[in-house]
C-alpha atoms as a PDB file:
ATOM      1  CA  MET A   1    -101.743  -0.658  60.321  1.00  0.00           C
ATOM      2  CA  PRO A   2     -98.537  -1.016  58.302  1.00  0.00           C
ATOM      3  CA  LEU A   3     -97.991  -4.300  56.536  1.00  0.00           C
ATOM      4  CA  HIS A   4     -94.911  -6.425  56.994  1.00  0.00           C
ATOM      5  CA  PRO A   5     -92.936  -6.399  53.798  1.00  0.00           C
ATOM      6  CA  ASP A   6     -91.981  -9.851  52.613  1.00  0.00           C
ATOM      7  CA  ALA A   7     -92.746 -12.220  55.492  1.00  0.00           C
ATOM      8  CA  LEU A   8     -91.260 -15.104  53.470  1.00  0.00           C
ATOM      9  CA  ALA A   9     -87.820 -13.466  53.661  1.00  0.00           C
ATOM     10  CA  ALA A  10     -87.803 -14.136  57.414  1.00  0.00           C
ATOM     11  CA  LEU A  11     -88.448 -17.879  57.009  1.00  0.00           C
ATOM     12  CA  GLN A  12     -85.776 -20.540  56.697  1.00  0.00           C
ATOM     13  CA  PHE A  13     -85.706 -22.228  53.290  1.00  0.00           C
ATOM     14  CA  PRO A  14     -83.055 -24.486  51.761  1.00  0.00           C
ATOM     15  CA  PRO A  15     -80.031 -22.484  50.560  1.00  0.00           C
ATOM     16  CA  ASN A  16     -80.728 -23.279  46.888  1.00  0.00           C
ATOM     17  CA  SER A  17     -84.339 -22.027  47.032  1.00  0.00           C
ATOM     18  CA  GLN A  18     -85.380 -19.261  44.654  1.00  0.00           C
ATOM     19  CA  ARG A  19     -88.213 -16.779  44.402  1.00  0.00           C
ATOM     20  CA  ALA A  20     -90.591 -15.840  41.586  1.00  0.00           C
ATOM     21  CA  ILE A  21     -93.217 -13.090  41.414  1.00  0.00           C
ATOM     22  CA  PHE A  22     -96.249 -13.175  39.115  1.00  0.00           C
ATOM     23  CA  ALA A  23     -99.313 -10.968  38.664  1.00  0.00           C
ATOM     24  CA  GLY A  24    -102.220 -12.209  36.581  1.00  0.00           C
ATOM     25  CA  GLY A  25    -105.514 -10.913  37.889  1.00  0.00           C
ATOM     26  CA  CYS A  26    -106.964 -11.704  41.282  1.00  0.00           C
ATOM     27  CA  PHE A  27    -104.161 -12.997  43.500  1.00  0.00           C
ATOM     28  CA  TRP A  28    -106.473 -15.534  45.148  1.00  0.00           C
ATOM     29  CA  GLY A  29    -106.747 -17.477  41.884  1.00  0.00           C
ATOM     30  CA  LEU A  30    -103.003 -17.391  41.257  1.00  0.00           C
ATOM     31  CA  GLU A  31    -102.280 -18.694  44.731  1.00  0.00           C
ATOM     32  CA  GLU A  32    -104.906 -21.425  44.531  1.00  0.00           C
ATOM     33  CA  LEU A  33    -103.630 -22.838  41.228  1.00  0.00           C
ATOM     34  CA  TYR A  34     -99.911 -22.645  42.053  1.00  0.00           C
ATOM     35  CA  ARG A  35    -100.492 -24.345  45.416  1.00  0.00           C
ATOM     36  CA  LYS A  36    -102.659 -27.043  43.811  1.00  0.00           C
ATOM     37  CA  ASP A  37    -100.378 -27.809  40.874  1.00  0.00           C
ATOM     38  CA  TRP A  38     -96.886 -27.157  42.330  1.00  0.00           C
ATOM     39  CA  GLY A  39     -97.318 -27.793  46.078  1.00  0.00           C
ATOM     40  CA  ASN A  40     -97.184 -31.083  47.965  1.00  0.00           C
ATOM     41  CA  GLY A  41     -93.580 -31.924  47.109  1.00  0.00           C
ATOM     42  CA  LYS A  42     -93.653 -30.740  43.484  1.00  0.00           C
ATOM     43  CA  GLY A  43     -91.318 -27.806  44.130  1.00  0.00           C
ATOM     44  CA  LEU A  44     -93.368 -25.005  45.659  1.00  0.00           C
ATOM     45  CA  LEU A  45     -92.030 -24.412  49.169  1.00  0.00           C
ATOM     46  CA  ASP A  46     -94.392 -21.570  50.090  1.00  0.00           C
ATOM     47  CA  CYS A  47     -96.096 -18.501  48.695  1.00  0.00           C
ATOM     48  CA  ARG A  48     -97.763 -15.272  49.763  1.00  0.00           C
ATOM     49  CA  VAL A  49    -100.175 -12.938  48.035  1.00  0.00           C
ATOM     50  CA  GLY A  50     -99.317  -9.271  48.073  1.00  0.00           C
ATOM     51  CA  TYR A  51     -98.592  -6.098  46.185  1.00  0.00           C
ATOM     52  CA  THR A  52     -95.656  -4.969  44.054  1.00  0.00           C
ATOM     53  CA  GLY A  53     -94.769  -2.906  41.017  1.00  0.00           C
ATOM     54  CA  GLY A  54     -96.143   0.402  42.264  1.00  0.00           C
ATOM     55  CA  HIS A  55     -95.100   3.628  43.890  1.00  0.00           C
ATOM     56  CA  THR A  56     -97.048   3.651  47.179  1.00  0.00           C
ATOM     57  CA  GLU A  57     -95.335   2.443  50.342  1.00  0.00           C
ATOM     58  CA  ALA A  58     -97.122  -0.257  52.391  1.00  0.00           C
ATOM     59  CA  PRO A  59    -100.416  -0.197  50.461  1.00  0.00           C
ATOM     60  CA  SER A  60    -103.593  -1.807  51.750  1.00  0.00           C
ATOM     61  CA  TYR A  61    -105.982  -3.913  49.690  1.00  0.00           C
ATOM     62  CA  GLY A  62    -108.299  -0.922  49.421  1.00  0.00           C
ATOM     63  CA  ASP A  63    -105.436   1.295  48.256  1.00  0.00           C
ATOM     64  CA  VAL A  64    -104.449  -1.182  45.535  1.00  0.00           C
ATOM     65  CA  CYS A  65    -108.075  -1.696  44.439  1.00  0.00           C
ATOM     66  CA  SER A  66    -108.349   2.066  43.860  1.00  0.00           C
ATOM     67  CA  GLY A  67    -105.986   1.608  40.886  1.00  0.00           C
ATOM     68  CA  LYS A  68    -103.968   4.633  42.026  1.00  0.00           C
ATOM     69  CA  THR A  69    -100.977   2.929  43.677  1.00  0.00           C
ATOM     70  CA  GLY A  70     -99.413   1.382  40.583  1.00  0.00           C
ATOM     71  CA  HIS A  71     -99.204  -1.939  42.435  1.00  0.00           C
ATOM     72  CA  ALA A  72    -100.509  -5.217  41.031  1.00  0.00           C
ATOM     73  CA  GLU A  73    -102.164  -7.986  43.015  1.00  0.00           C
ATOM     74  CA  SER A  74     -99.313 -10.491  42.893  1.00  0.00           C
ATOM     75  CA  LEU A  75     -98.028 -13.832  44.106  1.00  0.00           C
ATOM     76  CA  LEU A  76     -94.551 -14.334  45.575  1.00  0.00           C
ATOM     77  CA  LEU A  77     -93.386 -17.949  45.319  1.00  0.00           C
ATOM     78  CA  VAL A  78     -90.454 -19.654  46.997  1.00  0.00           C
ATOM     79  CA  PHE A  79     -89.500 -22.801  45.114  1.00  0.00           C
ATOM     80  CA  ASP A  80     -86.946 -25.585  44.989  1.00  0.00           C
ATOM     81  CA  PRO A  81     -85.214 -25.397  41.575  1.00  0.00           C
ATOM     82  CA  ASP A  82     -84.207 -29.063  41.884  1.00  0.00           C
ATOM     83  CA  ARG A  83     -87.911 -29.989  41.659  1.00  0.00           C
ATOM     84  CA  VAL A  84     -89.381 -27.228  39.485  1.00  0.00           C
ATOM     85  CA  THR A  85     -87.549 -24.702  37.341  1.00  0.00           C
ATOM     86  CA  TYR A  86     -88.258 -21.031  36.954  1.00  0.00           C
ATOM     87  CA  ARG A  87     -88.912 -21.758  33.266  1.00  0.00           C
ATOM     88  CA  GLN A  88     -91.641 -24.273  34.184  1.00  0.00           C
ATOM     89  CA  LEU A  89     -93.274 -21.775  36.548  1.00  0.00           C
ATOM     90  CA  VAL A  90     -93.262 -19.058  33.869  1.00  0.00           C
ATOM     91  CA  GLU A  91     -94.729 -21.388  31.233  1.00  0.00           C
ATOM     92  CA  TYR A  92     -97.412 -22.388  33.732  1.00  0.00           C
ATOM     93  CA  PHE A  93     -98.149 -18.708  34.409  1.00  0.00           C
ATOM     94  CA  PHE A  94     -98.978 -18.189  30.731  1.00  0.00           C
ATOM     95  CA  LYS A  95    -101.285 -21.235  30.804  1.00  0.00           C
ATOM     96  CA  MET A  96    -103.294 -20.286  33.893  1.00  0.00           C
ATOM     97  CA  HIS A  97    -104.474 -16.770  32.985  1.00  0.00           C
ATOM     98  CA  ASP A  98    -105.208 -14.778  29.835  1.00  0.00           C
ATOM     99  CA  PRO A  99    -102.070 -12.752  29.005  1.00  0.00           C
ATOM    100  CA  THR A 100    -103.766 -11.058  26.036  1.00  0.00           C
ATOM    101  CA  THR A 101    -106.106  -8.801  28.008  1.00  0.00           C
ATOM    102  CA  LEU A 102    -104.718  -5.459  29.150  1.00  0.00           C
ATOM    103  CA  ASN A 103    -105.375  -4.673  32.824  1.00  0.00           C
ATOM    104  CA  ARG A 104    -108.064  -7.311  33.130  1.00  0.00           C
ATOM    105  CA  GLN A 105    -108.818 -10.929  33.954  1.00  0.00           C
ATOM    106  CA  GLY A 106    -112.448 -11.873  33.472  1.00  0.00           C
ATOM    107  CA  ALA A 107    -114.638  -9.307  35.209  1.00  0.00           C
ATOM    108  CA  ASP A 108    -111.706  -7.929  37.241  1.00  0.00           C
ATOM    109  CA  THR A 109    -110.526  -4.729  35.576  1.00  0.00           C
ATOM    110  CA  GLY A 110    -107.918  -2.119  36.415  1.00  0.00           C
ATOM    111  CA  PRO A 111    -104.117  -1.865  36.478  1.00  0.00           C
ATOM    112  CA  GLN A 112    -103.992  -3.880  39.710  1.00  0.00           C
ATOM    113  CA  TYR A 113    -105.168  -6.903  37.659  1.00  0.00           C
ATOM    114  CA  ARG A 114    -102.521  -6.590  34.935  1.00  0.00           C
ATOM    115  CA  SER A 115    -100.451  -9.486  33.710  1.00  0.00           C
ATOM    116  CA  ALA A 116     -96.854  -9.063  34.896  1.00  0.00           C
ATOM    117  CA  ILE A 117     -93.712 -10.968  35.754  1.00  0.00           C
ATOM    118  CA  PHE A 118     -91.386  -9.292  38.238  1.00  0.00           C
ATOM    119  CA  ALA A 119     -87.953 -10.847  37.749  1.00  0.00           C
ATOM    120  CA  GLU A 120     -85.632 -11.168  40.733  1.00  0.00           C
ATOM    121  CA  ASN A 121     -82.455 -11.183  38.597  1.00  0.00           C
ATOM    122  CA  ASP A 122     -81.126 -10.914  35.032  1.00  0.00           C
ATOM    123  CA  GLU A 123     -81.443 -14.650  34.385  1.00  0.00           C
ATOM    124  CA  GLN A 124     -85.145 -14.622  35.313  1.00  0.00           C
ATOM    125  CA  LEU A 125     -85.661 -11.523  33.176  1.00  0.00           C
ATOM    126  CA  LYS A 126     -84.116 -13.260  30.160  1.00  0.00           C
ATOM    127  CA  ILE A 127     -86.142 -16.468  30.673  1.00  0.00           C
ATOM    128  CA  ALA A 128     -89.412 -14.556  31.108  1.00  0.00           C
ATOM    129  CA  GLN A 129     -88.825 -12.494  27.951  1.00  0.00           C
ATOM    130  CA  GLU A 130     -87.905 -15.610  25.944  1.00  0.00           C
ATOM    131  CA  ILE A 131     -90.993 -17.510  27.080  1.00  0.00           C
ATOM    132  CA  LYS A 132     -93.286 -14.513  26.491  1.00  0.00           C
ATOM    133  CA  LYS A 133     -92.030 -14.344  22.887  1.00  0.00           C
ATOM    134  CA  LYS A 134     -92.539 -18.087  22.316  1.00  0.00           C
ATOM    135  CA  VAL A 135     -95.989 -18.031  23.946  1.00  0.00           C
ATOM    136  CA  GLY A 136     -97.041 -15.211  21.612  1.00  0.00           C
ATOM    137  CA  GLU A 137     -95.803 -17.088  18.566  1.00  0.00           C
ATOM    138  CA  GLN A 138     -97.039 -20.565  19.497  1.00  0.00           C
ATOM    139  CA  TRP A 139     -99.985 -20.342  21.902  1.00  0.00           C
ATOM    140  CA  TYR A 140    -101.724 -17.008  21.335  1.00  0.00           C
ATOM    141  CA  LYS A 141    -101.132 -16.481  17.608  1.00  0.00           C
ATOM    142  CA  GLY A 142    -102.537 -13.195  16.344  1.00  0.00           C
ATOM    143  CA  LYS A 143    -103.191 -11.822  19.833  1.00  0.00           C
ATOM    144  CA  PRO A 144    -100.722  -9.436  21.470  1.00  0.00           C
ATOM    145  CA  ILE A 145     -99.303 -10.603  24.795  1.00  0.00           C
ATOM    146  CA  THR A 146     -99.814  -7.711  27.224  1.00  0.00           C
ATOM    147  CA  THR A 147     -97.699  -9.206  30.024  1.00  0.00           C
ATOM    148  CA  GLU A 148     -95.321  -6.655  31.522  1.00  0.00           C
ATOM    149  CA  ILE A 149     -91.875  -8.046  32.307  1.00  0.00           C
ATOM    150  CA  ARG A 150     -89.569  -6.016  34.516  1.00  0.00           C
ATOM    151  CA  ARG A 151     -87.295  -6.202  37.534  1.00  0.00           C
ATOM    152  CA  ALA A 152     -88.939  -6.816  40.878  1.00  0.00           C
ATOM    153  CA  THR A 153     -89.573  -3.873  43.152  1.00  0.00           C
ATOM    154  CA  GLN A 154     -90.434  -3.725  46.859  1.00  0.00           C
ATOM    155  CA  TRP A 155     -92.815  -6.526  47.881  1.00  0.00           C
ATOM    156  CA  TYR A 156     -95.605  -6.001  50.422  1.00  0.00           C
ATOM    157  CA  ASP A 157     -97.567  -8.921  51.856  1.00  0.00           C
ATOM    158  CA  ALA A 158    -101.332  -8.547  51.577  1.00  0.00           C
ATOM    159  CA  GLU A 159    -103.380  -8.587  54.749  1.00  0.00           C
ATOM    160  CA  GLU A 160    -103.587 -11.962  56.508  1.00  0.00           C
ATOM    161  CA  LYS A 161    -107.248 -12.482  55.538  1.00  0.00           C
ATOM    162  CA  HIS A 162    -106.131 -12.663  51.882  1.00  0.00           C
ATOM    163  CA  GLN A 163    -103.495 -15.376  52.475  1.00  0.00           C
ATOM    164  CA  GLU A 164    -104.840 -18.777  51.356  1.00  0.00           C
ATOM    165  CA  TYR A 165    -108.212 -17.073  51.027  1.00  0.00           C
ATOM    166  CA  LEU A 166    -109.843 -19.736  48.853  1.00  0.00           C
ATOM    167  CA  THR A 167    -108.755 -22.445  51.288  1.00  0.00           C
ATOM    168  CA  LYS A 168    -110.405 -20.525  54.123  1.00  0.00           C
ATOM    169  CA  GLU A 169    -113.405 -19.520  51.981  1.00  0.00           C
ATOM    170  CA  PRO A 170    -113.962 -22.308  49.395  1.00  0.00           C
ATOM    171  CA  GLN A 171    -117.146 -20.607  48.189  1.00  0.00           C
ATOM    172  CA  GLY A 172    -115.310 -17.274  47.820  1.00  0.00           C
ATOM    173  CA  TYR A 173    -114.915 -15.432  44.522  1.00  0.00           C
ATOM    174  CA  HIS A 174    -113.182 -17.494  41.832  1.00  0.00           C
ATOM    175  CA  CYS A 175    -112.048 -15.545  38.770  1.00  0.00           C
ATOM    176  CA  PRO A 176    -113.393 -17.397  35.714  1.00  0.00           C
ATOM    177  CA  ALA A 177    -110.208 -16.498  33.808  1.00  0.00           C
ATOM    178  CA  HIS A 178    -108.054 -18.647  36.143  1.00  0.00           C
ATOM    179  CA  PHE A 179    -107.781 -22.213  34.933  1.00  0.00           C
ATOM    180  CA  THR A 180    -105.012 -24.269  33.373  1.00  0.00           C
ATOM    181  CA  ARG A 181    -105.195 -24.142  29.581  1.00  0.00           C
ATOM    182  CA  SER A 182    -103.892 -27.045  27.545  1.00  0.00           C
ATOM    183  CA  PHE A 183    -101.167 -26.079  25.084  1.00  0.00           C
ATOM    184  CA  PRO A 184     -98.499 -28.071  23.273  1.00  0.00           C
ATOM    185  CA  GLU A 185     -94.990 -27.942  24.694  1.00  0.00           C
ATOM    186  CA  LEU A 186     -93.061 -24.807  23.692  1.00  0.00           C
ATOM    187  CA  LYS A 187     -90.325 -25.295  21.098  1.00  0.00           C
END
């Protein structure tokens, strides 16, 4: 059954809303933390888990888990930049997963679990690269940041059972690498 690419694109959001796409291990953990810390009026308007960054059209979860599609398990956010900035969301991304492990978060291994930021435009690309550099210098000294930063490619929503999975299945798998680390403010 083909997946619907980008269901959020069909929804009505305020005209100033923006999008951000992050990959940092299991997409369930990303979604859970972004909803918890940026939802409820803090700027997150909605989000979907899905697949991007690869070469296979309309992949399934099983396809992506094979590691052969090039896609990463990812999170597509729609946010209100008057409440939360793209910069804040990127800084948060580097706090809530380990960007120093190549193709892995905790026990989850493979290219589908890589750390990546898929920028929607040149401004996002510049901000993500700037923050990655600062994070490497200030937060993860001596450890290389493996986060891939590149322009966004075609987005595919994951199957419905994966959307808000940890809300539906509170005892479901929680990646131990997903938690908010405490770091000083970036300079």
